[in-house]
């Protein structure tokens, strides 16, 4: 189950990710559950990052769709990252490229994720 789900869409792909993440959940779980779907063959890169100006990568997962469908995936997030600051905002980026083997990515769509204690 994804807490406070938010929909992020880009081209033929979309992702349902949490809109709010509890900081305490990072101590018990090392990943963030995301459901990624596509209406056409595509390569989808789901990324979680922190920071407002300088984007620091937390975790990312590449999902390849050879045919339309939906996949639940877990994006690993390091619990004790050196650049992790509790006051920093998290963001979710969804980038895609059409076709299962397409080399050209399109511009990503970015949505915020709130951190709560």
Protein backbone atom coordinates (compact mmCIF):
# COMPACT_ATOMS: atom_id res chain seq x y z
CA UNK A 1 0.00 0.00 0.00
CA UNK A 2 1.29 3.43 -0.98
CA UNK A 3 0.64 6.15 1.68
CA UNK A 4 -0.97 9.40 0.41
CA UNK A 5 -0.59 8.39 -3.25
CA UNK A 6 0.18 11.00 -5.88
CA UNK A 7 0.13 10.47 -9.63
CA UNK A 8 3.08 11.59 -11.76
CA UNK A 9 2.67 11.35 -15.52
CA UNK A 10 5.06 11.83 -18.41
CA UNK A 11 4.17 10.84 -21.97
CA UNK A 12 2.89 7.25 -22.14
CA UNK A 13 4.18 6.46 -18.63
CA UNK A 14 2.87 7.24 -15.17
CA UNK A 15 3.84 6.47 -11.60
CA UNK A 16 1.89 6.34 -8.37
CA UNK A 17 4.25 7.32 -5.54
CA UNK A 18 3.82 8.43 -1.93
CA UNK A 19 3.06 12.12 -1.44
CA UNK A 20 4.12 11.97 2.22
CA UNK A 21 6.89 9.83 3.72
CA UNK A 22 7.46 9.37 7.44
CA UNK A 23 11.07 9.82 8.53
CA UNK A 24 10.58 6.96 11.00
CA UNK A 25 9.72 4.63 8.13
CA UNK A 26 13.31 4.92 6.85
CA UNK A 27 14.53 3.08 9.96
CA UNK A 28 12.37 0.02 9.25
CA UNK A 29 12.31 0.05 5.44
CA UNK A 30 15.17 0.71 3.05
CA UNK A 31 13.01 1.47 0.02
CA UNK A 32 10.03 3.45 -1.24
CA UNK A 33 7.22 1.53 -2.96
CA UNK A 34 6.16 2.94 -6.36
CA UNK A 35 3.76 1.58 -9.00
CA UNK A 36 4.92 2.38 -12.55
CA UNK A 37 2.74 1.84 -15.61
CA UNK A 38 2.98 2.46 -19.34
CA UNK A 39 0.50 2.48 -22.21
CA UNK A 40 3.19 1.78 -24.83
CA UNK A 41 6.67 0.18 -24.95
CA UNK A 42 9.00 2.51 -23.04
CA UNK A 43 11.98 2.80 -20.70
CA UNK A 44 11.05 4.62 -17.49
CA UNK A 45 13.50 6.01 -14.94
CA UNK A 46 11.99 6.78 -11.52
CA UNK A 47 14.28 8.89 -9.31
CA UNK A 48 14.02 10.18 -5.74
CA UNK A 49 16.25 13.16 -4.95
CA UNK A 50 16.68 15.73 -2.22
CA UNK A 51 17.47 19.41 -2.28
CA UNK A 52 15.97 22.48 -3.83
CA UNK A 53 18.83 23.91 -5.87
CA UNK A 54 21.45 21.18 -5.93
CA UNK A 55 19.76 17.85 -6.57
CA UNK A 56 21.29 14.99 -4.57
CA UNK A 57 20.36 11.52 -5.75
CA UNK A 58 18.74 9.26 -3.14
CA UNK A 59 17.69 6.32 -5.24
CA UNK A 60 16.52 5.41 -8.71
CA UNK A 61 15.17 2.47 -10.64
CA UNK A 62 14.98 1.82 -14.39
CA UNK A 63 11.84 -0.05 -15.47
CA UNK A 64 11.67 -1.38 -19.04
CA UNK A 65 8.27 -2.04 -20.61
CA UNK A 66 8.44 -4.23 -23.72
CA UNK A 67 4.64 -4.08 -23.86
CA UNK A 68 2.01 -1.97 -22.06
CA UNK A 69 1.55 -2.86 -18.42
CA UNK A 70 2.08 -1.98 -14.77
CA UNK A 71 4.83 -2.95 -12.30
CA UNK A 72 5.26 -2.40 -8.56
CA UNK A 73 8.87 -1.59 -7.76
CA UNK A 74 10.81 -0.58 -4.68
CA UNK A 75 13.28 2.30 -5.01
CA UNK A 76 16.19 1.85 -2.58
CA UNK A 77 16.90 4.85 -0.34
CA UNK A 78 19.97 4.91 1.93
CA UNK A 79 18.89 5.48 5.54
CA UNK A 80 22.15 7.07 6.65
CA UNK A 81 23.18 9.04 3.60
CA UNK A 82 25.83 11.64 4.32
CA UNK A 83 23.91 14.38 2.52
CA UNK A 84 20.54 13.59 4.18
CA UNK A 85 19.08 16.56 6.01
CA UNK A 86 15.65 16.23 7.62
CA UNK A 87 14.70 19.79 6.64
CA UNK A 88 15.48 19.26 2.96
CA UNK A 89 12.62 18.59 0.57
CA UNK A 90 12.39 15.32 -1.33
CA UNK A 91 11.33 15.13 -4.94
CA UNK A 92 10.26 12.43 -7.37
CA UNK A 93 11.27 12.59 -11.03
CA UNK A 94 9.79 10.43 -13.78
CA UNK A 95 11.68 10.32 -17.06
CA UNK A 96 10.93 8.15 -20.06
CA UNK A 97 11.99 7.29 -23.58
CA UNK A 98 9.67 5.65 -26.09
CA UNK A 99 10.50 2.10 -27.14
CA UNK A 100 12.15 -0.62 -25.09
CA UNK A 101 15.60 0.14 -26.49
CA UNK A 102 15.35 3.86 -27.29
CA UNK A 103 18.54 5.80 -26.47
CA UNK A 104 17.01 9.33 -26.31
CA UNK A 105 15.36 10.26 -23.00
CA UNK A 106 12.74 13.02 -22.77
CA UNK A 107 12.58 15.75 -20.12
CA UNK A 108 11.51 14.37 -16.70
CA UNK A 109 8.41 15.36 -14.75
CA UNK A 110 9.14 16.33 -11.12
CA UNK A 111 6.77 16.27 -8.11
CA UNK A 112 7.52 17.04 -4.42
CA UNK A 113 7.31 14.52 -1.54
CA UNK A 114 6.66 15.80 2.00
CA UNK A 115 8.63 14.44 4.95
CA UNK A 116 6.81 14.14 8.26
CA UNK A 117 8.23 13.07 11.65
